Amino acid sequence: MKSIEEYCQFVRGLVAKQGPFPEDDAEVQQVADALFADILAHRLGSVDVLELRRNFGHALDSCATLQGHALAKPYGYPGDFELFDKIYTHHVNPDPRYVRWDEFFHRLDAPTAVRNRKAWLVHLLQQKHDASRRPLRVLIVGSGPGRDVWEFLQSRPGGAYFDCVELDPRGIEYAQHLCHSVLSHVRFHQGSILRFKTDTRYDVIWSGGLFDYFNDRLFVRALIQLSHLLVAGGELIIGNFAANSSRGFMELVSDWKLTLRTPEALHRLASTAGASTENIRIDREPIGVNLFLRVTTQDTNAPPATAD
């Protein structure tokens, strides 16, 4: 076991060269994993974590870096719309003090998986639209910056009508600005998905980054509610992070914690919510970090979804 001073000395070495180079990644991950193991084993505590963060200095004391933004939580919650869009667009602060930190953040598995899941969704919607040859009706739960919606409608103009449910009104404002040229095909609903009511039935319901903040009880409750909003033959897709190499760094440095689940756990939760085994499928994005629980309804010859 290393002392907290030894861990802090390692951090100060990274700060001295203005952030990790790619060749440092393996060692940074090893040190983060060792420290995380010490925390979980109660060999080090919360005071030690605060001391570690203090040693990052300007690389962590503001939103100037992506890891600093994640820690600061300027909108009051983790994984806000602005941070996600910076991940989607591979944003790097041009200030030399921060460039390497942002580049390192983007190389982590977790941000890579976030970008992958957006691309995965856009491709899936393209496939479904091309197969149906009609506009899809899609519900996005926890829609954040709306970049997935915008990218799909750029690739398939008029290819879907989206309802986007987002709790943060600032996220809706951001997404409306991004999607300004396609707003005739997008409606935003501010509020919790647990209170969302509509007569619309959807071909696709997607929630990429919300359910891994839910405990199992809330997960099942939301899954049941959303499943009732599908057309016959529709599909509900829930994203959830699995165990990954970024966990130690993300939790210790940026205090970004998720409920990690296995494919087996997702299958069990879907079964608890009433889904039949033959209608449950688990997929994942290319690096295998973000899992996708896919639940379909029985009748694949359903009529088109209808609007409100």
Protein backbone atom coordinates (compact mmCIF):
# COMPACT_ATOMS: atom_id res chain seq x y z
CA MET A 1 0.00 0.00 0.00
CA LYS A 2 1.21 3.50 -0.87
CA SER A 3 0.73 6.48 1.40
CA ILE A 4 -1.49 9.33 0.29
CA GLU A 5 1.65 11.46 0.00
CA GLU A 6 3.07 9.01 -2.56
CA TYR A 7 -0.14 9.21 -4.57
CA CYS A 8 -0.09 13.00 -4.37
CA GLN A 9 3.53 13.06 -5.47
CA PHE A 10 2.54 11.12 -8.58
CA VAL A 11 -0.22 13.66 -9.29
CA ARG A 12 2.19 16.56 -8.85
CA GLY A 13 4.46 14.94 -11.42
CA LEU A 14 1.59 14.92 -13.94
CA VAL A 15 0.75 18.53 -13.13
CA ALA A 16 4.38 19.56 -13.64
CA LYS A 17 4.22 18.43 -17.27
CA GLN A 18 0.70 19.90 -17.75
CA GLY A 19 -1.09 16.58 -17.91
CA PRO A 20 -0.51 13.00 -19.06
CA PHE A 21 0.93 12.10 -22.43
CA PRO A 22 -0.54 9.02 -24.16
CA GLU A 23 2.42 6.94 -23.02
CA ASP A 24 1.49 7.78 -19.41
CA ASP A 25 -2.04 6.39 -19.69
CA ALA A 26 -1.30 2.87 -18.46
CA GLU A 27 0.54 4.10 -15.38
CA VAL A 28 -2.16 6.67 -14.57
CA GLN A 29 -4.77 3.93 -14.74
CA GLN A 30 -2.69 1.59 -12.57
CA VAL A 31 -2.20 4.27 -9.91
CA ALA A 32 -5.90 5.25 -10.01
CA ASP A 33 -6.93 1.60 -9.65
CA ALA A 34 -4.54 1.07 -6.72
CA LEU A 35 -5.80 4.16 -4.94
CA PHE A 36 -9.41 3.21 -5.61
CA ALA A 37 -8.74 -0.24 -4.13
CA ASP A 38 -7.26 1.40 -1.05
CA ILE A 39 -10.38 3.55 -0.68
CA LEU A 40 -12.74 0.58 -1.07
CA ALA A 41 -10.71 -1.36 1.53
CA HIS A 42 -10.88 1.63 3.92
CA ARG A 43 -7.11 1.90 4.02
CA LEU A 44 -7.57 5.51 2.89
CA GLY A 45 -10.57 7.78 3.43
CA SER A 46 -12.48 10.80 2.17
CA VAL A 47 -9.94 13.24 3.65
CA ASP A 48 -7.25 11.55 1.56
CA VAL A 49 -9.35 11.91 -1.59
CA LEU A 50 -9.75 15.64 -0.92
CA GLU A 51 -5.99 15.94 -0.46
CA LEU A 52 -5.42 14.12 -3.73
CA ARG A 53 -7.76 16.47 -5.60
CA ARG A 54 -6.07 19.50 -4.08
CA ASN A 55 -2.80 18.42 -5.65
CA PHE A 56 -4.28 18.65 -9.14
CA GLY A 57 -4.34 22.43 -8.68
CA HIS A 58 -5.59 24.42 -11.67
CA ALA A 59 -6.28 21.15 -13.58
CA LEU A 60 -9.21 20.43 -11.26
CA ASP A 61 -10.21 23.64 -9.48
CA SER A 62 -12.58 24.98 -12.17
CA CYS A 63 -14.55 23.96 -15.24
CA ALA A 64 -11.53 24.77 -17.42
CA THR A 65 -10.88 21.04 -17.85
CA LEU A 66 -13.41 18.31 -18.53
CA GLN A 67 -12.45 16.51 -15.32
CA GLY A 68 -12.83 19.80 -13.43
CA HIS A 69 -16.27 20.33 -14.98
CA ALA A 70 -17.31 16.83 -13.93
CA LEU A 71 -16.16 17.50 -10.35
CA ALA A 72 -17.63 21.03 -10.09
CA LYS A 73 -21.09 19.99 -11.35
CA PRO A 74 -21.97 23.58 -12.36
CA TYR A 75 -25.60 22.64 -13.04
CA GLY A 76 -25.97 20.78 -9.77
CA TYR A 77 -25.81 17.20 -11.01
CA PRO A 78 -23.27 14.83 -12.64
CA GLY A 79 -23.14 14.28 -16.38
CA ASP A 80 -24.86 17.52 -17.42
CA PHE A 81 -25.80 18.44 -20.99
CA GLU A 82 -22.82 20.74 -21.51
CA LEU A 83 -20.26 18.18 -20.39
CA PHE A 84 -21.84 15.50 -22.58
CA ASP A 85 -21.78 17.75 -25.62
CA LYS A 86 -18.13 18.52 -24.97
CA ILE A 87 -17.52 14.77 -24.92
CA TYR A 88 -19.55 14.27 -28.12
CA THR A 89 -17.68 17.02 -29.95
CA HIS A 90 -14.24 16.09 -28.55
CA HIS A 91 -13.85 19.55 -27.03
CA VAL A 92 -10.35 20.47 -25.88
CA ASN A 93 -9.52 23.68 -24.05
CA PRO A 94 -6.83 25.36 -26.22
CA ASP A 95 -5.04 26.79 -23.19
CA PRO A 96 -1.70 24.93 -22.95
CA ARG A 97 -2.29 24.36 -19.23
CA TYR A 98 -5.36 22.26 -19.99
CA VAL A 99 -4.87 20.68 -23.42
CA ARG A 100 -3.26 17.45 -22.21
CA TRP A 101 -5.78 16.97 -19.41
CA ASP A 102 -8.70 17.21 -21.86
CA GLU A 103 -7.00 14.96 -24.38
CA PHE A 104 -6.39 12.42 -21.62
CA PHE A 105 -10.02 12.62 -20.50
CA HIS A 106 -11.19 11.86 -24.02
CA ARG A 107 -8.92 8.80 -24.16
CA LEU A 108 -10.59 7.24 -21.13
CA ASP A 109 -12.99 4.37 -21.77
CA ALA A 110 -16.01 6.13 -20.28
CA PRO A 111 -16.03 9.21 -22.60
CA THR A 112 -15.18 6.95 -25.54
CA ALA A 113 -18.20 4.78 -24.74
CA VAL A 114 -20.40 7.88 -24.48
CA ARG A 115 -19.40 8.93 -28.00
CA ASN A 116 -19.88 5.38 -29.23
CA ARG A 117 -23.39 5.11 -27.86
CA LYS A 118 -24.48 8.27 -29.67
CA ALA A 119 -23.15 6.88 -32.94
CA TRP A 120 -24.79 3.52 -32.15
CA LEU A 121 -28.19 5.14 -31.66
CA VAL A 122 -27.98 7.28 -34.80
CA HIS A 123 -27.05 4.22 -36.86
CA LEU A 124 -29.88 2.16 -35.33
CA LEU A 125 -32.44 4.86 -36.13
CA GLN A 126 -31.12 5.11 -39.66
CA GLN A 127 -31.58 1.37 -40.09
CA LYS A 128 -35.09 1.42 -38.65
CA HIS A 129 -36.09 4.38 -40.79
CA ASP A 130 -34.73 2.82 -43.96
CA ALA A 131 -36.57 -0.42 -43.20
CA SER A 132 -39.90 1.25 -42.40
CA ARG A 133 -39.76 3.83 -45.21
CA ARG A 134 -41.78 6.24 -43.10
CA PRO A 135 -41.01 8.74 -40.35
CA LEU A 136 -40.39 7.07 -37.01
CA ARG A 137 -41.95 8.23 -33.77
CA VAL A 138 -39.17 8.34 -31.17
CA LEU A 139 -39.09 9.18 -27.45
CA ILE A 140 -35.74 10.26 -25.99
CA VAL A 141 -35.59 10.07 -22.18
CA GLY A 142 -32.98 12.31 -20.59
CA SER A 143 -32.29 14.03 -23.90
CA GLY A 144 -29.46 16.31 -22.72
CA PRO A 145 -27.86 18.39 -25.47
CA GLY A 146 -29.90 16.78 -28.26
CA ARG A 147 -26.93 16.10 -30.51
CA ASP A 148 -28.08 12.57 -31.37
CA VAL A 149 -31.44 13.96 -32.50
CA TRP A 150 -29.77 16.65 -34.59
CA GLU A 151 -27.33 14.21 -36.21
CA PHE A 152 -30.07 11.77 -37.18
CA LEU A 153 -32.26 14.47 -38.70
CA GLN A 154 -29.28 15.79 -40.63
CA SER A 155 -28.73 12.32 -42.07
CA ARG A 156 -32.42 11.57 -42.67
CA PRO A 157 -34.29 14.89 -43.05
CA GLY A 158 -37.84 14.39 -41.82
CA GLY A 159 -37.01 10.81 -40.91
CA ALA A 160 -38.50 10.90 -37.42
CA TYR A 161 -40.62 12.90 -35.02
CA PHE A 162 -38.94 13.16 -31.63
CA ASP A 163 -40.36 13.78 -28.19
CA CYS A 164 -37.51 14.66 -25.82
CA VAL A 165 -37.99 14.50 -22.05
CA GLU A 166 -35.40 16.43 -20.05
CA LEU A 167 -35.47 17.49 -16.41
CA ASP A 168 -33.10 20.47 -16.75
CA PRO A 169 -34.69 23.46 -18.56
CA ARG A 170 -31.19 24.72 -19.35
CA GLY A 171 -30.54 21.49 -21.20
CA ILE A 172 -33.71 22.01 -23.22
CA GLU A 173 -32.66 25.55 -24.10
CA TYR A 174 -29.26 24.26 -25.22
CA ALA A 175 -30.82 21.49 -27.33
CA GLN A 176 -33.36 23.84 -28.89
CA HIS A 177 -30.54 26.09 -30.03
CA LEU A 178 -28.59 23.15 -31.44
CA CYS A 179 -31.67 21.71 -33.17
CA HIS A 180 -33.06 25.05 -34.34
CA SER A 181 -33.13 23.99 -38.01
CA VAL A 182 -35.14 20.80 -37.31
CA LEU A 183 -37.52 21.94 -34.58
CA SER A 184 -40.56 21.09 -36.73
CA HIS A 185 -39.67 17.46 -35.96
CA VAL A 186 -38.73 17.84 -32.29
CA ARG A 187 -40.80 18.56 -29.19
CA PHE A 188 -39.27 19.10 -25.76
CA HIS A 189 -40.97 18.23 -22.48
CA GLN A 190 -39.46 19.56 -19.27
CA GLY A 191 -39.84 17.30 -16.26
CA SER A 192 -39.23 13.85 -14.82
CA ILE A 193 -39.91 10.81 -16.97
CA LEU A 194 -41.80 9.33 -14.00
CA ARG A 195 -44.36 12.12 -14.39
CA PHE A 196 -44.43 12.21 -18.20
CA LYS A 197 -47.86 11.48 -19.67
CA THR A 198 -48.80 11.19 -23.33
CA ASP A 199 -51.25 9.46 -25.63
CA THR A 200 -48.51 8.99 -28.24
CA ARG A 201 -47.14 5.51 -28.85
CA TYR A 202 -43.58 5.19 -30.05
CA ASP A 203 -41.63 3.01 -32.45
CA VAL A 204 -38.46 3.55 -30.44
CA ILE A 205 -37.89 4.70 -26.86
CA TRP A 206 -34.29 5.47 -25.96
CA SER A 207 -32.60 6.37 -22.70
CA GLY A 208 -28.84 6.29 -23.05
CA GLY A 209 -27.49 7.84 -19.87
CA LEU A 210 -30.15 7.99 -17.16
CA PHE A 211 -30.85 4.51 -15.84
CA ASP A 212 -27.36 3.96 -14.44
CA TYR A 213 -28.20 6.65 -11.89
CA PHE A 214 -31.26 4.60 -10.79
CA ASN A 215 -31.37 1.92 -8.13
CA ASP A 216 -33.00 -1.37 -9.14
CA ARG A 217 -36.44 -0.44 -7.82
CA LEU A 218 -36.56 2.82 -9.75
CA PHE A 219 -35.10 1.12 -12.82
CA VAL A 220 -37.94 -1.41 -12.91
CA ARG A 221 -40.59 1.23 -12.22
CA ALA A 222 -39.42 3.40 -15.11
CA LEU A 223 -39.05 0.40 -17.40
CA ILE A 224 -42.66 -0.63 -16.79
CA GLN A 225 -43.90 2.89 -17.40
CA LEU A 226 -42.00 3.30 -20.66
CA SER A 227 -42.93 -0.12 -22.02
CA HIS A 228 -46.58 0.95 -22.06
CA LEU A 229 -45.69 3.76 -24.49
CA LEU A 230 -44.52 1.45 -27.29
CA VAL A 231 -46.49 0.57 -30.39
CA ALA A 232 -46.86 -3.12 -31.13
CA GLY A 233 -43.52 -4.12 -32.55
CA GLY A 234 -41.78 -1.14 -30.95
CA GLU A 235 -38.49 -1.25 -29.09
CA LEU A 236 -37.36 0.17 -25.75
CA ILE A 237 -33.58 0.61 -25.40
CA ILE A 238 -31.88 1.44 -22.10
CA GLY A 239 -28.18 2.21 -21.85
CA ASN A 240 -26.22 1.27 -18.72
CA PHE A 241 -22.49 1.31 -18.01
CA ALA A 242 -20.71 -1.94 -17.18
CA ALA A 243 -17.48 -2.29 -15.21
CA ASN A 244 -14.70 -0.40 -16.99
CA SER A 245 -11.13 0.78 -16.63
CA SER A 246 -12.16 4.42 -16.12
CA ARG A 247 -14.02 3.84 -12.88
CA GLY A 248 -11.22 4.56 -10.44
CA PHE A 249 -10.16 7.79 -12.10
CA MET A 250 -13.71 9.04 -12.73
CA GLU A 251 -14.92 8.41 -9.17
CA LEU A 252 -11.83 9.63 -7.33
CA VAL A 253 -10.94 12.65 -9.44
CA SER A 254 -14.31 13.80 -10.75
CA ASP A 255 -16.71 12.25 -8.21
CA TRP A 256 -18.74 10.76 -11.07
CA LYS A 257 -20.44 7.62 -9.80
CA LEU A 258 -22.76 5.28 -11.69
CA THR A 259 -24.61 2.07 -10.90
CA LEU A 260 -22.64 -0.39 -13.00
CA ARG A 261 -24.56 -3.44 -14.20
CA THR A 262 -23.81 -6.70 -15.98
CA PRO A 263 -25.79 -8.13 -18.91
CA GLU A 264 -27.25 -10.66 -16.50
CA ALA A 265 -28.43 -7.91 -14.14
CA LEU A 266 -30.09 -6.00 -16.97
CA HIS A 267 -31.83 -9.15 -18.17
CA ARG A 268 -33.08 -9.82 -14.64
CA LEU A 269 -34.45 -6.29 -14.26
CA ALA A 270 -36.27 -6.52 -17.59
CA SER A 271 -37.80 -9.83 -16.51
CA THR A 272 -38.88 -8.28 -13.22
CA ALA A 273 -40.57 -5.52 -15.21
CA GLY A 274 -42.59 -8.15 -17.06
CA ALA A 275 -40.66 -8.62 -20.30
CA SER A 276 -40.57 -12.10 -21.81
CA THR A 277 -37.18 -13.70 -22.27
CA GLU A 278 -37.61 -13.93 -26.04
CA ASN A 279 -38.18 -10.18 -26.17
CA ILE A 280 -35.02 -9.24 -24.23
CA ARG A 281 -31.68 -8.64 -25.90
CA ILE A 282 -28.43 -7.16 -24.59
CA ASP A 283 -26.12 -5.30 -26.97
CA ARG A 284 -23.08 -3.10 -26.40
CA GLU A 285 -21.10 -0.39 -28.14
CA PRO A 286 -17.73 -1.29 -29.74
CA ILE A 287 -15.51 -1.20 -26.62
CA GLY A 288 -18.10 -3.04 -24.51
CA VAL A 289 -18.41 -0.44 -21.75
CA ASN A 290 -21.92 0.80 -22.47
CA LEU A 291 -24.51 -1.99 -22.49
CA PHE A 292 -27.90 -1.65 -24.15
CA LEU A 293 -30.95 -3.43 -22.78
CA ARG A 294 -33.31 -3.89 -25.73
CA VAL A 295 -36.91 -4.88 -25.04
CA THR A 296 -39.35 -5.37 -27.92
CA THR A 297 -43.08 -5.91 -28.09
CA GLN A 298 -44.55 -8.93 -29.80
CA ASP A 299 -46.29 -7.81 -32.99
CA THR A 300 -43.78 -6.76 -35.63
CA ASN A 301 -46.57 -6.03 -38.12
CA ALA A 302 -47.94 -3.11 -36.15
CA PRO A 303 -49.53 -0.10 -37.87
CA PRO A 304 -47.59 3.19 -37.85
CA ALA A 305 -47.34 5.11 -34.61
CA THR A 306 -49.80 7.99 -34.26
CA ALA A 307 -49.15 11.47 -32.97
CA ASP A 308 -50.91 13.11 -30.05
